[in-house]
PDB file of N, CA and C in Angstrom:
ATOM      1  N   MET A   1     -45.122  12.434-153.893  1.00  0.00           N
ATOM      2  CA  MET A   1     -44.609  13.222-152.786  1.00  0.00           C
ATOM      3  C   MET A   1     -43.246  12.661-152.403  1.00  0.00           C
ATOM      4  N   ASN A   2     -42.295  13.556-152.178  1.00  0.00           N
ATOM      5  CA  ASN A   2     -40.973  13.060-151.804  1.00  0.00           C
ATOM      6  C   ASN A   2     -40.856  12.886-150.291  1.00  0.00           C
ATOM      7  N   ILE A   3     -39.767  12.278-149.869  1.00  0.00           N
ATOM      8  CA  ILE A   3     -39.581  11.946-148.450  1.00  0.00           C
ATOM      9  C   ILE A   3     -39.584  13.193-147.580  1.00  0.00           C
ATOM     10  N   ILE A   4     -38.951  14.261-148.032  1.00  0.00           N
ATOM     11  CA  ILE A   4     -38.884  15.485-147.226  1.00  0.00           C
ATOM     12  C   ILE A   4     -40.280  16.065-147.026  1.00  0.00           C
ATOM     13  N   SER A   5     -41.065  16.154-148.077  1.00  0.00           N
ATOM     14  CA  SER A   5     -42.402  16.725-147.912  1.00  0.00           C
ATOM     15  C   SER A   5     -43.307  15.797-147.101  1.00  0.00           C
ATOM     16  N   GLU A   6     -43.110  14.482-147.200  1.00  0.00           N
ATOM     17  CA  GLU A   6     -43.886  13.557-146.373  1.00  0.00           C
ATOM     18  C   GLU A   6     -43.557  13.773-144.901  1.00  0.00           C
ATOM     19  N   ARG A   7     -42.296  13.947-144.586  1.00  0.00           N
ATOM     20  CA  ARG A   7     -41.896  14.198-143.199  1.00  0.00           C
ATOM     21  C   ARG A   7     -42.483  15.512-142.707  1.00  0.00           C
ATOM     22  N   GLU A   8     -42.485  16.517-143.557  1.00  0.00           N
ATOM     23  CA  GLU A   8     -43.035  17.813-143.170  1.00  0.00           C
ATOM     24  C   GLU A   8     -44.537  17.690-142.890  1.00  0.00           C
ATOM     25  N   GLU A   9     -45.234  16.921-143.705  1.00  0.00           N
ATOM     26  CA  GLU A   9     -46.666  16.721-143.469  1.00  0.00           C
ATOM     27  C   GLU A   9     -46.911  15.975-142.162  1.00  0.00           C
ATOM     28  N   THR A  10     -46.043  15.035-141.839  1.00  0.00           N
ATOM     29  CA  THR A  10     -46.171  14.308-140.578  1.00  0.00           C
ATOM     30  C   THR A  10     -45.946  15.254-139.406  1.00  0.00           C
ATOM     31  N   LYS A  11     -44.949  16.126-139.505  1.00  0.00           N
ATOM     32  CA  LYS A  11     -44.699  17.115-138.459  1.00  0.00           C
ATOM     33  C   LYS A  11     -45.908  18.041-138.295  1.00  0.00           C
ATOM     34  N   LYS A  12     -46.466  18.469-139.412  1.00  0.00           N
ATOM     35  CA  LYS A  12     -47.652  19.329-139.353  1.00  0.00           C
ATOM     36  C   LYS A  12     -48.811  18.614-138.681  1.00  0.00           C
ATOM     37  N   ALA A  13     -48.959  17.338-138.969  1.00  0.00           N
ATOM     38  CA  ALA A  13     -50.038  16.557-138.364  1.00  0.00           C
ATOM     39  C   ALA A  13     -49.845  16.446-136.858  1.00  0.00           C
ATOM     40  N   ILE A  14     -48.613  16.218-136.415  1.00  0.00           N
ATOM     41  CA  ILE A  14     -48.320  16.144-134.981  1.00  0.00           C
ATOM     42  C   ILE A  14     -48.654  17.471-134.317  1.00  0.00           C
ATOM     43  N   ARG A  15     -48.225  18.563-134.928  1.00  0.00           N
ATOM     44  CA  ARG A  15     -48.524  19.885-134.367  1.00  0.00           C
ATOM     45  C   ARG A  15     -50.023  20.127-134.312  1.00  0.00           C
ATOM     46  N   TRP A  16     -50.729  19.765-135.387  1.00  0.00           N
ATOM     47  CA  TRP A  16     -52.168  19.996-135.461  1.00  0.00           C
ATOM     48  C   TRP A  16     -52.906  19.223-134.364  1.00  0.00           C
ATOM     49  N   VAL A  17     -52.593  17.939-134.217  1.00  0.00           N
ATOM     50  CA  VAL A  17     -53.243  17.122-133.183  1.00  0.00           C
ATOM     51  C   VAL A  17     -52.910  17.690-131.803  1.00  0.00           C
ATOM     52  N   SER A  18     -51.656  18.043-131.582  1.00  0.00           N
ATOM     53  CA  SER A  18     -51.242  18.588-130.288  1.00  0.00           C
ATOM     54  C   SER A  18     -51.985  19.881-129.961  1.00  0.00           C
ATOM     55  N   GLU A  19     -52.119  20.750-130.952  1.00  0.00           N
ATOM     56  CA  GLU A  19     -52.845  22.007-130.739  1.00  0.00           C
ATOM     57  C   GLU A  19     -54.310  21.749-130.407  1.00  0.00           C
ATOM     58  N   LYS A  20     -54.922  20.815-131.122  1.00  0.00           N
ATOM     59  CA  LYS A  20     -56.331  20.485-130.861  1.00  0.00           C
ATOM     60  C   LYS A  20     -56.499  19.934-129.447  1.00  0.00           C
ATOM     61  N   LEU A  21     -55.544  19.129-128.995  1.00  0.00           N
ATOM     62  CA  LEU A  21     -55.623  18.572-127.642  1.00  0.00           C
ATOM     63  C   LEU A  21     -55.415  19.648-126.582  1.00  0.00           C
ATOM     64  N   GLU A  22     -54.565  20.638-126.884  1.00  0.00           N
ATOM     65  CA  GLU A  22     -54.377  21.745-125.946  1.00  0.00           C
ATOM     66  C   GLU A  22     -55.660  22.558-125.821  1.00  0.00           C
ATOM     67  N   GLU A  23     -56.340  22.768-126.948  1.00  0.00           N
ATOM     68  CA  GLU A  23     -57.592  23.525-126.942  1.00  0.00           C
ATOM     69  C   GLU A  23     -58.669  22.807-126.129  1.00  0.00           C
ATOM     70  N   ASP A  24     -58.725  21.492-126.284  1.00  0.00           N
ATOM     71  CA  ASP A  24     -59.752  20.707-125.593  1.00  0.00           C
ATOM     72  C   ASP A  24     -59.203  19.308-125.311  1.00  0.00           C
ATOM     73  N   PRO A  25     -58.617  19.113-124.132  1.00  0.00           N
ATOM     74  CA  PRO A  25     -58.011  17.824-123.789  1.00  0.00           C
ATOM     75  C   PRO A  25     -59.000  16.660-123.747  1.00  0.00           C
ATOM     76  N   ALA A  26     -60.280  16.958-123.700  1.00  0.00           N
ATOM     77  CA  ALA A  26     -61.283  15.894-123.636  1.00  0.00           C
ATOM     78  C   ALA A  26     -61.608  15.305-125.007  1.00  0.00           C
ATOM     79  N   GLN A  27     -61.041  15.883-126.069  1.00  0.00           N
ATOM     80  CA  GLN A  27     -61.310  15.376-127.412  1.00  0.00           C
ATOM     81  C   GLN A  27     -60.788  13.952-127.570  1.00  0.00           C
ATOM     82  N   SER A  28     -61.403  13.230-128.449  1.00  0.00           N
ATOM     83  CA  SER A  28     -60.983  11.867-128.744  1.00  0.00           C
ATOM     84  C   SER A  28     -59.699  11.885-129.576  1.00  0.00           C
ATOM     85  N   ILE A  29     -58.631  11.332-128.984  1.00  0.00           N
ATOM     86  CA  ILE A  29     -57.365  11.250-129.711  1.00  0.00           C
ATOM     87  C   ILE A  29     -57.527  10.397-130.966  1.00  0.00           C
ATOM     88  N   HIS A  30     -58.330   9.355-130.874  1.00  0.00           N
ATOM     89  CA  HIS A  30     -58.584   8.477-132.013  1.00  0.00           C
ATOM     90  C   HIS A  30     -59.156   9.275-133.180  1.00  0.00           C
ATOM     91  N   LYS A  31     -60.159  10.093-132.911  1.00  0.00           N
ATOM     92  CA  LYS A  31     -60.786  10.883-133.978  1.00  0.00           C
ATOM     93  C   LYS A  31     -59.832  11.941-134.520  1.00  0.00           C
ATOM     94  N   LEU A  32     -59.077  12.583-133.629  1.00  0.00           N
ATOM     95  CA  LEU A  32     -58.133  13.600-134.087  1.00  0.00           C
ATOM     96  C   LEU A  32     -57.048  13.003-134.970  1.00  0.00           C
ATOM     97  N   VAL A  33     -56.497  11.877-134.560  1.00  0.00           N
ATOM     98  CA  VAL A  33     -55.451  11.236-135.357  1.00  0.00           C
ATOM     99  C   VAL A  33     -56.016  10.785-136.704  1.00  0.00           C
ATOM    100  N   ASP A  34     -57.184  10.186-136.683  1.00  0.00           N
ATOM    101  CA  ASP A  34     -57.794   9.764-137.953  1.00  0.00           C
ATOM    102  C   ASP A  34     -58.025  10.955-138.880  1.00  0.00           C
ATOM    103  N   LYS A  35     -58.510  12.058-138.313  1.00  0.00           N
ATOM    104  CA  LYS A  35     -58.750  13.254-139.133  1.00  0.00           C
ATOM    105  C   LYS A  35     -57.425  13.798-139.680  1.00  0.00           C
ATOM    106  N   ALA A  36     -56.395  13.812-138.854  1.00  0.00           N
ATOM    107  CA  ALA A  36     -55.085  14.310-139.290  1.00  0.00           C
ATOM    108  C   ALA A  36     -54.509  13.456-140.415  1.00  0.00           C
ATOM    109  N   ILE A  37     -54.705  12.148-140.332  1.00  0.00           N
ATOM    110  CA  ILE A  37     -54.192  11.250-141.372  1.00  0.00           C
ATOM    111  C   ILE A  37     -54.754  11.640-142.735  1.00  0.00           C
ATOM    112  N   PHE A  38     -56.042  11.948-142.770  1.00  0.00           N
ATOM    113  CA  PHE A  38     -56.664  12.333-144.041  1.00  0.00           C
ATOM    114  C   PHE A  38     -56.382  13.793-144.388  1.00  0.00           C
ATOM    115  N   GLU A  39     -56.424  14.661-143.388  1.00  0.00           N
ATOM    116  CA  GLU A  39     -56.195  16.090-143.600  1.00  0.00           C
ATOM    117  C   GLU A  39     -54.816  16.361-144.198  1.00  0.00           C
ATOM    118  N   PHE A  40     -53.819  15.619-143.736  1.00  0.00           N
ATOM    119  CA  PHE A  40     -52.446  15.836-144.188  1.00  0.00           C
ATOM    120  C   PHE A  40     -51.995  14.786-145.197  1.00  0.00           C
ATOM    121  N   ASN A  41     -52.938  13.949-145.641  1.00  0.00           N
ATOM    122  CA  ASN A  41     -52.680  12.972-146.697  1.00  0.00           C
ATOM    123  C   ASN A  41     -51.452  12.105-146.385  1.00  0.00           C
ATOM    124  N   LEU A  42     -51.452  11.543-145.177  1.00  0.00           N
ATOM    125  CA  LEU A  42     -50.300  10.749-144.747  1.00  0.00           C
ATOM    126  C   LEU A  42     -50.311   9.362-145.374  1.00  0.00           C
ATOM    127  N   SER A  43     -49.123   8.877-145.660  1.00  0.00           N
ATOM    128  CA  SER A  43     -48.976   7.520-146.175  1.00  0.00           C
ATOM    129  C   SER A  43     -49.297   6.540-145.049  1.00  0.00           C
ATOM    130  N   PRO A  44     -49.533   5.270-145.376  1.00  0.00           N
ATOM    131  CA  PRO A  44     -49.785   4.293-144.306  1.00  0.00           C
ATOM    132  C   PRO A  44     -48.655   4.238-143.272  1.00  0.00           C
ATOM    133  N   ALA A  45     -47.416   4.333-143.717  1.00  0.00           N
ATOM    134  CA  ALA A  45     -46.282   4.296-142.786  1.00  0.00           C
ATOM    135  C   ALA A  45     -46.294   5.530-141.884  1.00  0.00           C
ATOM    136  N   ASP A  46     -46.585   6.697-142.460  1.00  0.00           N
ATOM    137  CA  ASP A  46     -46.640   7.920-141.663  1.00  0.00           C
ATOM    138  C   ASP A  46     -47.842   7.913-140.726  1.00  0.00           C
ATOM    139  N   ALA A  47     -48.939   7.335-141.168  1.00  0.00           N
ATOM    140  CA  ALA A  47     -50.118   7.213-140.313  1.00  0.00           C
ATOM    141  C   ALA A  47     -49.799   6.341-139.106  1.00  0.00           C
ATOM    142  N   GLU A  48     -49.108   5.235-139.338  1.00  0.00           N
ATOM    143  CA  GLU A  48     -48.703   4.353-138.246  1.00  0.00           C
ATOM    144  C   GLU A  48     -47.750   5.077-137.298  1.00  0.00           C
ATOM    145  N   PHE A  49     -46.852   5.872-137.853  1.00  0.00           N
ATOM    146  CA  PHE A  49     -45.938   6.653-137.015  1.00  0.00           C
ATOM    147  C   PHE A  49     -46.729   7.620-136.135  1.00  0.00           C
ATOM    148  N   LEU A  50     -47.701   8.296-136.697  1.00  0.00           N
ATOM    149  CA  LEU A  50     -48.516   9.252-135.943  1.00  0.00           C
ATOM    150  C   LEU A  50     -49.257   8.554-134.805  1.00  0.00           C
ATOM    151  N   ILE A  51     -49.826   7.417-135.090  1.00  0.00           N
ATOM    152  CA  ILE A  51     -50.527   6.641-134.062  1.00  0.00           C
ATOM    153  C   ILE A  51     -49.561   6.260-132.950  1.00  0.00           C
ATOM    154  N   ARG A  52     -48.380   5.730-133.315  1.00  0.00           N
ATOM    155  CA  ARG A  52     -47.381   5.335-132.314  1.00  0.00           C
ATOM    156  C   ARG A  52     -46.890   6.535-131.515  1.00  0.00           C
ATOM    157  N   PHE A  53     -46.695   7.656-132.207  1.00  0.00           N
ATOM    158  CA  PHE A  53     -46.202   8.875-131.553  1.00  0.00           C
ATOM    159  C   PHE A  53     -47.090   9.247-130.373  1.00  0.00           C
ATOM    160  N   PHE A  54     -48.384   9.269-130.581  1.00  0.00           N
ATOM    161  CA  PHE A  54     -49.284   9.654-129.501  1.00  0.00           C
ATOM    162  C   PHE A  54     -49.499   8.516-128.503  1.00  0.00           C
ATOM    163  N   HIS A  55     -49.467   7.297-128.963  1.00  0.00           N
ATOM    164  CA  HIS A  55     -49.613   6.158-128.052  1.00  0.00           C
ATOM    165  C   HIS A  55     -48.454   6.113-127.058  1.00  0.00           C
ATOM    166  N   GLU A  56     -47.250   6.344-127.546  1.00  0.00           N
ATOM    167  CA  GLU A  56     -46.061   6.301-126.689  1.00  0.00           C
ATOM    168  C   GLU A  56     -46.048   7.426-125.669  1.00  0.00           C
ATOM    169  N   ARG A  57     -46.808   8.445-125.911  1.00  0.00           N
ATOM    170  CA  ARG A  57     -46.900   9.554-124.969  1.00  0.00           C
ATOM    171  C   ARG A  57     -48.066   9.380-124.007  1.00  0.00           C
ATOM    172  N   GLY A  58     -48.601   8.165-123.992  1.00  0.00           N
ATOM    173  CA  GLY A  58     -49.652   7.846-123.034  1.00  0.00           C
ATOM    174  C   GLY A  58     -51.056   8.151-123.516  1.00  0.00           C
ATOM    175  N   LEU A  59     -51.189   8.536-124.779  1.00  0.00           N
ATOM    176  CA  LEU A  59     -52.496   8.812-125.341  1.00  0.00           C
ATOM    177  C   LEU A  59     -52.916   7.602-126.159  1.00  0.00           C
ATOM    178  N   LYS A  60     -53.996   7.021-125.811  1.00  0.00           N
ATOM    179  CA  LYS A  60     -54.426   5.770-126.437  1.00  0.00           C
ATOM    180  C   LYS A  60     -55.131   6.018-127.762  1.00  0.00           C
ATOM    181  N   HIS A  61     -54.882   5.140-128.694  1.00  0.00           N
ATOM    182  CA  HIS A  61     -55.549   5.152-130.004  1.00  0.00           C
ATOM    183  C   HIS A  61     -56.151   3.765-130.161  1.00  0.00           C
ATOM    184  N   PRO A  62     -57.394   3.599-129.712  1.00  0.00           N
ATOM    185  CA  PRO A  62     -57.998   2.270-129.777  1.00  0.00           C
ATOM    186  C   PRO A  62     -58.124   1.769-131.213  1.00  0.00           C
ATOM    187  N   ALA A  63     -58.081   0.490-131.342  1.00  0.00           N
ATOM    188  CA  ALA A  63     -58.252  -0.109-132.669  1.00  0.00           C
ATOM    189  C   ALA A  63     -59.625   0.236-133.201  1.00  0.00           C
ATOM    190  N   PRO A  64     -59.702   0.566-134.492  1.00  0.00           N
ATOM    191  CA  PRO A  64     -61.012   0.932-135.070  1.00  0.00           C
ATOM    192  C   PRO A  64     -61.997  -0.213-135.054  1.00  0.00           C
TER     193      PRO A  64
END
């Protein structure tokens, strides 16, 4: 996978998690992020970015 498509998958993952949270804010952010990492086949670096992205917005991602 090239850098552009990896970035696009990360953007899709952010949108997907955000949409799921809008549908049901009580959902576990930890579970949604973990599911998105696998659903969008994110690299470890992109997975870490996704975790940080939501953590910095005040949504906690507890350590597994």
